[in-house]
Amino acid sequence: MVGNDKETPCQNSLSEFRIVRRTMKKIRVGVIFGGRSGEHEVSVISARSVIDAIDKTKYDVTPIFINKKGQWLLGAQPKSVKGKGAEYVYLPPDPTARKLIPVKGGKALPKKFDVVFPVLHGTYGEDGTVQGLLDLAGIPYVGAGVTASAVGMDKVVMKSIFESMGLPVTRHAVFTRKKIKEANREVIAEIEEKLSYPVFTKPANLGSSVGITKAHNRKELTKGLNLACEYDRKVIVEQGVENAREIEVSVLGNDDPKASVCGEVVPSKEFYDYEDKYILGRAKLIIPAPLPKNISDKIRKLALRAFKAIDCAGMARADFLLEKATNKIFIDEVNTIPGFTSISMYPKLWEASGICYRELIDCLINLAFERYNEKGHIKTEFPSKLLKK
């Protein structure tokens, strides 16, 4: 691991966690999942794994399901998310409450949350919206804050920051849905002038390869642009890297993050799309990736730089493209809430680095408390006579 090879990435955090355990019976954890996103189903699968694996002797777990309409339900389990018998609730932005409120009746539910684990992928959950609500509600939560979550979701803003920090990114072009619809020929001409086939068309704000296509010609490009427009008002077109290897690194920590070993994804199709990730099950995950040490070390250091560049916290998975002929490295993106099933790349990379799935959940919850306590040192009052006049 990049950093201190003799110390697990959360060694200190686990020690602090044991201190917390002596002061309370169980830590009350709310696991939020589902959401208004094209990645809704992926979120449900991730939440199942977290809830099944979390240590029930340490944690009192409350599943909180957000349906595709954006309604919050209490009592819907990840294994049966139809919401039958569940209660509609909402979280007030009130730091003195820290409770869910029933939509009907208005009385607060008895339990206050100690921490929330958002297992949300995509828009309206991974993009800073839920993180902002949790900040207003005064509840510690696992993962990145508002800024890093929003930047990590927006591929255009993220690449701009990476470029400003000297991180290697592929050439790309950006267009709004309006421009694509109203000036399609001009958009295609601009893409063909700036980039060469093959190219990838992507919604700027989404993950899990939803809405992504690889275009080898103008006809496929037109189709890909139209598909991406269905999922976002902003579309990014990226230069394809021929004969590229897909390398991923898991990052864990707050101000002093650590990087896992590198893993490699070998798609069963031309690229690692949604079907290959979640339906076919034929893609190979090679852990650790067969890389020369100097290349793997460089990739892991770039992962840490990218993590810090967007001010990430808790966890992230950094994805890279490695050009086979030249060993040239490009950072593709940082996922602030990566897939979290027991066979997902993020936990598998940490398992290969010495941290099992259940211990990883412990680490992330404790990092959430650490980040929350750090925020507690920020002054929110300033001596002023303005209101005394």
Protein backbone atom coordinates (compact mmCIF):
# COMPACT_ATOMS: atom_id res chain seq x y z
CA MET A 1 0.00 0.00 0.00
CA VAL A 2 1.16 3.52 -0.70
CA GLY A 3 1.88 5.19 2.61
CA ASN A 4 3.01 3.05 5.53
CA ASP A 5 3.14 -0.58 4.40
CA LYS A 6 3.36 -1.81 7.99
CA GLU A 7 0.15 -0.11 9.09
CA THR A 8 -3.36 -0.91 7.92
CA PRO A 9 -5.08 2.16 6.49
CA CYS A 10 -7.41 2.42 9.49
CA GLN A 11 -5.28 1.09 12.33
CA ASN A 12 -5.70 4.25 14.38
CA SER A 13 -9.36 4.51 13.44
CA LEU A 14 -10.09 1.01 14.77
CA SER A 15 -8.43 1.90 18.06
CA GLU A 16 -10.62 4.99 18.38
CA PHE A 17 -13.65 2.91 17.46
CA ARG A 18 -13.08 0.62 20.44
CA ILE A 19 -13.13 3.69 22.71
CA VAL A 20 -16.49 4.67 21.22
CA ARG A 21 -17.83 1.16 21.87
CA ARG A 22 -17.18 1.45 25.62
CA THR A 23 -19.45 4.48 25.90
CA MET A 24 -22.61 3.10 24.24
CA LYS A 25 -24.45 -0.18 23.84
CA LYS A 26 -24.82 -0.10 20.09
CA ILE A 27 -24.12 2.49 17.45
CA ARG A 28 -27.32 3.40 15.63
CA VAL A 29 -26.68 3.31 11.89
CA GLY A 30 -29.10 4.38 9.19
CA VAL A 31 -28.38 2.75 5.82
CA ILE A 32 -29.89 4.82 3.00
CA PHE A 33 -30.32 3.08 -0.34
CA GLY A 34 -32.31 3.08 -3.58
CA GLY A 35 -32.83 6.63 -4.83
CA ARG A 36 -33.94 8.58 -7.90
CA SER A 37 -31.22 7.44 -10.25
CA GLY A 38 -30.46 5.17 -13.16
CA GLU A 39 -28.30 3.29 -10.64
CA HIS A 40 -31.23 2.54 -8.30
CA GLU A 41 -30.98 -1.25 -8.65
CA VAL A 42 -27.22 -1.23 -8.13
CA SER A 43 -27.71 0.71 -4.90
CA VAL A 44 -30.19 -1.87 -3.61
CA ILE A 45 -27.74 -4.70 -4.29
CA SER A 46 -24.92 -2.83 -2.51
CA ALA A 47 -27.15 -2.13 0.51
CA ARG A 48 -28.06 -5.80 0.82
CA SER A 49 -24.40 -6.68 1.18
CA VAL A 50 -23.68 -3.93 3.74
CA ILE A 51 -26.67 -4.82 5.93
CA ASP A 52 -25.95 -8.55 5.75
CA ALA A 53 -22.28 -8.09 6.64
CA ILE A 54 -22.38 -5.36 9.29
CA ASP A 55 -21.65 -6.58 12.81
CA LYS A 56 -25.05 -6.67 14.55
CA THR A 57 -23.39 -6.93 17.96
CA LYS A 58 -21.91 -3.44 17.44
CA TYR A 59 -24.57 -1.74 15.34
CA ASP A 60 -28.31 -1.19 15.51
CA VAL A 61 -29.13 -0.95 11.80
CA THR A 62 -32.11 0.87 10.30
CA PRO A 63 -32.63 0.45 6.52
CA ILE A 64 -33.99 3.62 4.86
CA PHE A 65 -35.29 3.04 1.35
CA ILE A 66 -35.72 5.84 -1.20
CA ASN A 67 -38.03 4.76 -4.01
CA LYS A 68 -37.77 5.90 -7.61
CA LYS A 69 -40.18 8.75 -6.90
CA GLY A 70 -37.82 10.07 -4.23
CA GLN A 71 -40.03 9.07 -1.29
CA TRP A 72 -38.31 7.84 1.89
CA LEU A 73 -39.66 4.65 3.45
CA LEU A 74 -38.89 3.07 6.79
CA GLY A 75 -39.43 -0.65 7.03
CA ALA A 76 -38.58 -1.61 3.45
CA GLN A 77 -35.69 -4.06 3.43
CA PRO A 78 -33.18 -4.32 0.55
CA LYS A 79 -34.36 -7.89 -0.10
CA SER A 80 -37.95 -6.72 -0.56
CA VAL A 81 -38.12 -3.09 -1.60
CA LYS A 82 -41.73 -2.82 -2.79
CA GLY A 83 -42.50 -0.85 0.35
CA LYS A 84 -45.50 -2.92 1.44
CA GLY A 85 -46.18 -2.10 5.09
CA ALA A 86 -43.42 0.52 5.16
CA GLU A 87 -43.92 3.99 6.62
CA TYR A 88 -43.29 7.16 4.65
CA VAL A 89 -40.83 9.39 6.49
CA TYR A 90 -38.56 12.38 5.97
CA LEU A 91 -35.40 13.70 7.60
CA PRO A 92 -35.76 17.27 8.84
CA PRO A 93 -32.73 19.58 8.38
CA ASP A 94 -32.70 20.13 12.14
CA PRO A 95 -29.50 19.24 14.03
CA THR A 96 -31.39 19.08 17.34
CA ALA A 97 -33.63 16.27 16.07
CA ARG A 98 -31.46 13.76 14.16
CA LYS A 99 -34.59 11.65 13.69
CA LEU A 100 -36.86 10.54 10.90
CA ILE A 101 -40.33 12.10 10.99
CA PRO A 102 -43.42 10.23 9.75
CA VAL A 103 -45.08 12.00 6.83
CA LYS A 104 -48.44 11.29 8.45
CA GLY A 105 -48.75 12.02 12.14
CA GLY A 106 -45.78 14.35 12.53
CA LYS A 107 -44.27 12.75 15.63
CA ALA A 108 -40.57 11.91 15.60
CA LEU A 109 -39.58 8.27 15.67
CA PRO A 110 -37.90 7.42 18.98
CA LYS A 111 -34.38 6.60 17.83
CA LYS A 112 -31.78 9.21 16.95
CA PHE A 113 -29.11 8.21 14.47
CA ASP A 114 -25.47 8.18 15.53
CA VAL A 115 -24.27 7.85 11.92
CA VAL A 116 -25.68 7.30 8.44
CA PHE A 117 -24.20 5.08 5.72
CA PRO A 118 -25.43 6.37 2.34
CA VAL A 119 -25.29 3.44 -0.08
CA LEU A 120 -26.57 5.55 -2.96
CA HIS A 121 -25.20 5.54 -6.49
CA GLY A 122 -25.77 8.26 -9.05
CA THR A 123 -27.79 11.47 -8.96
CA TYR A 124 -29.85 12.54 -5.92
CA GLY A 125 -27.64 10.60 -3.55
CA GLU A 126 -24.01 10.33 -4.59
CA ASP A 127 -23.87 13.88 -5.93
CA GLY A 128 -23.86 15.87 -2.68
CA THR A 129 -27.62 16.33 -2.33
CA VAL A 130 -28.13 13.78 0.47
CA GLN A 131 -24.78 14.76 1.98
CA GLY A 132 -25.99 18.36 2.23
CA LEU A 133 -29.17 17.23 3.97
CA LEU A 134 -27.17 15.15 6.46
CA ASP A 135 -24.91 18.14 7.16
CA LEU A 136 -27.96 20.30 7.86
CA ALA A 137 -29.39 17.54 10.06
CA GLY A 138 -26.11 17.37 12.01
CA ILE A 139 -25.60 13.64 11.47
CA PRO A 140 -22.19 12.05 10.81
CA TYR A 141 -22.13 10.07 7.57
CA VAL A 142 -19.87 7.70 5.70
CA GLY A 143 -18.00 9.02 2.68
CA ALA A 144 -17.28 12.30 0.96
CA GLY A 145 -18.82 15.66 1.81
CA VAL A 146 -20.91 17.91 -0.40
CA THR A 147 -18.09 19.33 -2.52
CA ALA A 148 -16.25 16.09 -3.27
CA SER A 149 -19.53 14.25 -3.88
CA ALA A 150 -20.73 16.86 -6.37
CA VAL A 151 -17.38 17.05 -8.15
CA GLY A 152 -16.98 13.27 -8.20
CA MET A 153 -20.37 12.92 -9.87
CA ASP A 154 -19.76 15.57 -12.55
CA LYS A 155 -17.20 14.14 -14.97
CA VAL A 156 -16.71 17.52 -16.64
CA VAL A 157 -15.91 19.45 -13.45
CA MET A 158 -13.83 16.56 -12.13
CA LYS A 159 -11.65 16.41 -15.25
CA SER A 160 -11.17 20.18 -15.14
CA ILE A 161 -9.88 19.93 -11.59
CA PHE A 162 -7.66 16.98 -12.46
CA GLU A 163 -6.17 18.93 -15.37
CA SER A 164 -5.53 21.96 -13.15
CA MET A 165 -3.69 19.69 -10.70
CA GLY A 166 -1.51 18.18 -13.43
CA LEU A 167 -3.20 14.77 -13.45
CA PRO A 168 -3.25 12.97 -16.82
CA VAL A 169 -6.70 12.83 -18.46
CA THR A 170 -7.81 11.88 -21.96
CA ARG A 171 -8.79 14.53 -24.50
CA HIS A 172 -12.49 15.29 -24.38
CA ALA A 173 -15.27 17.62 -25.52
CA VAL A 174 -18.37 18.78 -23.64
CA PHE A 175 -21.84 19.65 -24.92
CA THR A 176 -25.25 20.47 -23.50
CA ARG A 177 -28.32 18.50 -24.49
CA LYS A 178 -29.77 21.67 -26.03
CA LYS A 179 -26.78 22.13 -28.32
CA ILE A 180 -26.79 18.47 -29.34
CA LYS A 181 -30.47 18.61 -30.24
CA GLU A 182 -30.39 22.00 -31.99
CA ALA A 183 -27.00 21.81 -33.72
CA ASN A 184 -26.27 18.13 -34.12
CA ARG A 185 -24.17 18.48 -37.29
CA GLU A 186 -22.00 21.19 -35.75
CA VAL A 187 -21.50 19.10 -32.61
CA ILE A 188 -20.42 16.03 -34.61
CA ALA A 189 -18.10 18.16 -36.77
CA GLU A 190 -16.47 19.60 -33.64
CA ILE A 191 -15.99 16.13 -32.14
CA GLU A 192 -14.45 14.78 -35.33
CA GLU A 193 -12.11 17.77 -35.50
CA LYS A 194 -10.94 17.47 -31.89
CA LEU A 195 -10.97 13.69 -31.44
CA SER A 196 -10.53 10.55 -33.49
CA TYR A 197 -12.62 7.37 -33.48
CA PRO A 198 -13.25 5.45 -31.36
CA VAL A 199 -14.74 7.81 -28.77
CA PHE A 200 -16.89 7.32 -25.70
CA THR A 201 -20.10 9.28 -25.11
CA LYS A 202 -21.17 9.62 -21.49
CA PRO A 203 -23.74 11.45 -19.39
CA ALA A 204 -21.70 13.90 -17.31
CA ASN A 205 -23.53 12.97 -14.10
CA LEU A 206 -24.02 9.24 -13.68
CA GLY A 207 -22.09 6.06 -13.01
CA SER A 208 -22.18 2.25 -13.39
CA SER A 209 -21.68 2.80 -17.16
CA VAL A 210 -25.34 3.79 -17.52
CA GLY A 211 -25.86 5.67 -20.79
CA ILE A 212 -22.29 5.11 -22.01
CA THR A 213 -21.51 3.96 -25.56
CA LYS A 214 -18.39 3.45 -27.63
CA ALA A 215 -18.59 4.96 -31.12
CA HIS A 216 -16.44 3.82 -34.04
CA ASN A 217 -18.09 6.01 -36.63
CA ARG A 218 -20.49 8.91 -37.16
CA LYS A 219 -23.63 6.77 -37.06
CA GLU A 220 -22.67 5.23 -33.71
CA LEU A 221 -21.65 8.66 -32.39
CA THR A 222 -25.07 10.12 -33.20
CA LYS A 223 -26.77 7.21 -31.45
CA GLY A 224 -24.47 7.53 -28.43
CA LEU A 225 -25.04 11.28 -28.07
CA ASN A 226 -28.80 10.78 -28.12
CA LEU A 227 -28.60 8.03 -25.51
CA ALA A 228 -26.39 10.11 -23.18
CA CYS A 229 -28.86 13.00 -23.49
CA GLU A 230 -31.56 10.80 -22.00
CA TYR A 231 -29.69 10.67 -18.70
CA ASP A 232 -28.26 14.18 -18.30
CA ARG A 233 -28.43 17.71 -19.70
CA LYS A 234 -24.65 17.65 -20.15
CA VAL A 235 -22.68 15.13 -22.21
CA ILE A 236 -18.94 14.45 -22.31
CA VAL A 237 -17.24 12.81 -25.28
CA GLU A 238 -13.86 11.25 -24.49
CA GLN A 239 -11.05 10.09 -26.70
CA GLY A 240 -10.84 6.30 -26.68
CA VAL A 241 -7.51 4.77 -25.68
CA GLU A 242 -6.78 1.87 -27.97
CA ASN A 243 -5.60 -1.39 -26.39
CA ALA A 244 -6.11 0.04 -22.94
CA ARG A 245 -6.07 -1.91 -19.68
CA GLU A 246 -8.63 -0.88 -17.06
CA ILE A 247 -6.96 -0.49 -13.67
CA GLU A 248 -8.74 0.37 -10.42
CA VAL A 249 -7.50 1.41 -6.98
CA SER A 250 -9.45 1.72 -3.73
CA VAL A 251 -8.70 4.64 -1.42
CA LEU A 252 -9.57 4.78 2.27
CA GLY A 253 -9.12 7.59 4.79
CA ASN A 254 -9.72 11.26 5.43
CA ASP A 255 -6.82 13.71 5.54
CA ASP A 256 -4.21 10.94 5.39
CA PRO A 257 -5.69 8.42 2.93
CA LYS A 258 -4.12 5.12 1.90
CA ALA A 259 -4.33 3.28 -1.41
CA SER A 260 -4.99 -0.43 -1.89
CA VAL A 261 -3.25 -2.75 -4.30
CA CYS A 262 -4.19 -2.27 -7.95
CA GLY A 263 -6.85 -4.41 -9.59
CA GLU A 264 -7.55 -4.98 -13.27
CA VAL A 265 -10.88 -5.38 -15.01
CA VAL A 266 -10.86 -7.55 -18.13
CA PRO A 267 -14.23 -7.02 -19.85
CA SER A 268 -15.98 -9.81 -21.69
CA LYS A 269 -17.20 -7.23 -24.21
CA GLU A 270 -15.47 -4.40 -26.05
CA PHE A 271 -15.65 -2.27 -22.92
CA TYR A 272 -16.86 -2.65 -19.34
CA ASP A 273 -20.50 -1.57 -19.78
CA TYR A 274 -23.53 -1.94 -17.50
CA GLU A 275 -24.48 -5.36 -18.88
CA ASP A 276 -20.95 -6.66 -18.40
CA LYS A 277 -20.79 -5.32 -14.84
CA TYR A 278 -24.11 -6.50 -13.47
CA ILE A 279 -25.85 -8.97 -15.80
CA LEU A 280 -23.48 -11.21 -17.76
CA GLY A 281 -21.00 -11.84 -14.95
CA ARG A 282 -18.28 -12.79 -17.41
CA ALA A 283 -15.84 -9.92 -16.80
CA LYS A 284 -12.67 -10.93 -14.95
CA LEU A 285 -11.38 -9.06 -11.91
CA ILE A 286 -7.67 -9.68 -11.47
CA ILE A 287 -6.35 -8.79 -8.00
CA PRO A 288 -3.61 -7.76 -7.72
CA ALA A 289 -3.20 -6.53 -11.27
CA PRO A 290 -0.15 -8.00 -13.04
CA LEU A 291 1.84 -4.77 -13.29
CA PRO A 292 5.51 -3.83 -12.87
CA LYS A 293 6.03 -2.35 -9.41
CA ASN A 294 7.00 1.06 -10.75
CA ILE A 295 3.74 1.25 -12.75
CA SER A 296 1.51 0.07 -9.89
CA ASP A 297 3.20 2.48 -7.46
CA LYS A 298 2.69 5.35 -9.88
CA ILE A 299 -1.00 4.51 -10.33
CA ARG A 300 -1.60 4.31 -6.59
CA LYS A 301 0.10 7.64 -6.02
CA LEU A 302 -2.07 9.18 -8.74
CA ALA A 303 -5.13 7.71 -6.99
CA LEU A 304 -4.19 9.48 -3.77
CA ARG A 305 -3.55 12.74 -5.62
CA ALA A 306 -6.94 12.51 -7.30
CA PHE A 307 -8.63 11.73 -3.96
CA LYS A 308 -7.08 14.81 -2.37
CA ALA A 309 -7.66 16.99 -5.45
CA ILE A 310 -11.43 16.86 -4.97
CA ASP A 311 -11.18 16.91 -1.14
CA CYS A 312 -12.62 13.43 -0.82
CA ALA A 313 -13.16 11.66 2.50
CA GLY A 314 -13.87 8.16 3.73
CA MET A 315 -13.73 6.13 0.55
CA ALA A 316 -13.37 6.30 -3.20
CA ARG A 317 -12.42 4.09 -6.10
CA ALA A 318 -10.10 5.62 -8.68
CA ASP A 319 -10.34 4.24 -12.22
CA PHE A 320 -7.48 4.40 -14.73
CA LEU A 321 -6.71 3.52 -18.34
CA LEU A 322 -3.26 2.13 -19.06
CA GLU A 323 -2.17 2.21 -22.69
CA LYS A 324 -0.54 -1.15 -23.39
CA ALA A 325 1.95 0.00 -26.02
CA THR A 326 3.38 2.92 -24.02
CA ASN A 327 2.36 2.29 -20.38
CA LYS A 328 0.90 5.80 -20.47
CA ILE A 329 -1.57 6.30 -17.63
CA PHE A 330 -4.83 8.27 -17.76
CA ILE A 331 -7.11 8.80 -14.79
CA ASP A 332 -10.69 8.25 -15.88
CA GLU A 333 -12.67 9.16 -12.76
CA VAL A 334 -13.07 8.92 -8.99
CA ASN A 335 -16.20 7.22 -7.63
CA THR A 336 -17.08 8.57 -4.18
CA ILE A 337 -19.61 5.79 -3.42
CA PRO A 338 -18.29 2.80 -5.36
CA GLY A 339 -20.17 -0.46 -5.74
CA PHE A 340 -20.21 -2.10 -2.32
CA THR A 341 -21.31 -5.70 -2.75
CA SER A 342 -19.03 -8.33 -1.26
CA ILE A 343 -17.72 -9.07 -4.77
CA SER A 344 -17.36 -5.44 -5.89
CA MET A 345 -13.92 -4.16 -6.76
CA TYR A 346 -13.70 -1.65 -3.89
CA PRO A 347 -14.01 -4.13 -0.99
CA LYS A 348 -12.21 -6.88 -2.92
CA LEU A 349 -9.15 -4.65 -3.33
CA TRP A 350 -9.10 -3.96 0.40
CA GLU A 351 -9.55 -7.65 1.16
CA ALA A 352 -6.40 -8.28 -0.93
CA SER A 353 -4.71 -5.46 1.01
CA GLY A 354 -5.51 -7.00 4.39
CA ILE A 355 -8.91 -5.59 5.40
CA CYS A 356 -11.95 -7.88 5.30
CA TYR A 357 -15.41 -6.67 4.30
CA ARG A 358 -16.81 -6.39 7.82
CA GLU A 359 -13.72 -4.60 9.13
CA LEU A 360 -13.93 -2.21 6.16
CA ILE A 361 -17.43 -1.20 7.29
CA ASP A 362 -16.03 -0.55 10.78
CA CYS A 363 -13.28 1.63 9.33
CA LEU A 364 -15.68 3.69 7.24
CA ILE A 365 -18.06 4.31 10.12
CA ASN A 366 -15.22 5.39 12.34
CA LEU A 367 -13.84 7.67 9.63
CA ALA A 368 -17.31 9.23 9.49
CA PHE A 369 -17.09 10.06 13.20
CA GLU A 370 -13.56 11.38 12.74
CA ARG A 371 -14.65 13.72 9.95
CA TYR A 372 -17.70 14.87 11.91
CA ASN A 373 -15.63 15.62 15.01
CA GLU A 374 -13.16 17.57 12.88
CA LYS A 375 -16.02 19.71 11.59
CA GLY A 376 -17.00 20.37 15.21
CA HIS A 377 -13.89 22.53 15.64
CA ILE A 378 -15.12 25.02 13.04
CA LYS A 379 -16.51 28.24 14.48
CA THR A 380 -20.03 29.09 13.36
CA GLU A 381 -20.34 32.34 15.32
CA PHE A 382 -18.58 35.68 14.90
CA PRO A 383 -18.71 38.51 17.46
CA SER A 384 -20.83 41.21 15.86
CA LYS A 385 -22.88 44.21 16.90
CA LEU A 386 -24.92 44.28 13.68
CA LEU A 387 -28.10 42.87 15.24
CA LYS A 388 -27.72 44.92 18.40
CA LYS A 389 -28.33 48.25 16.68
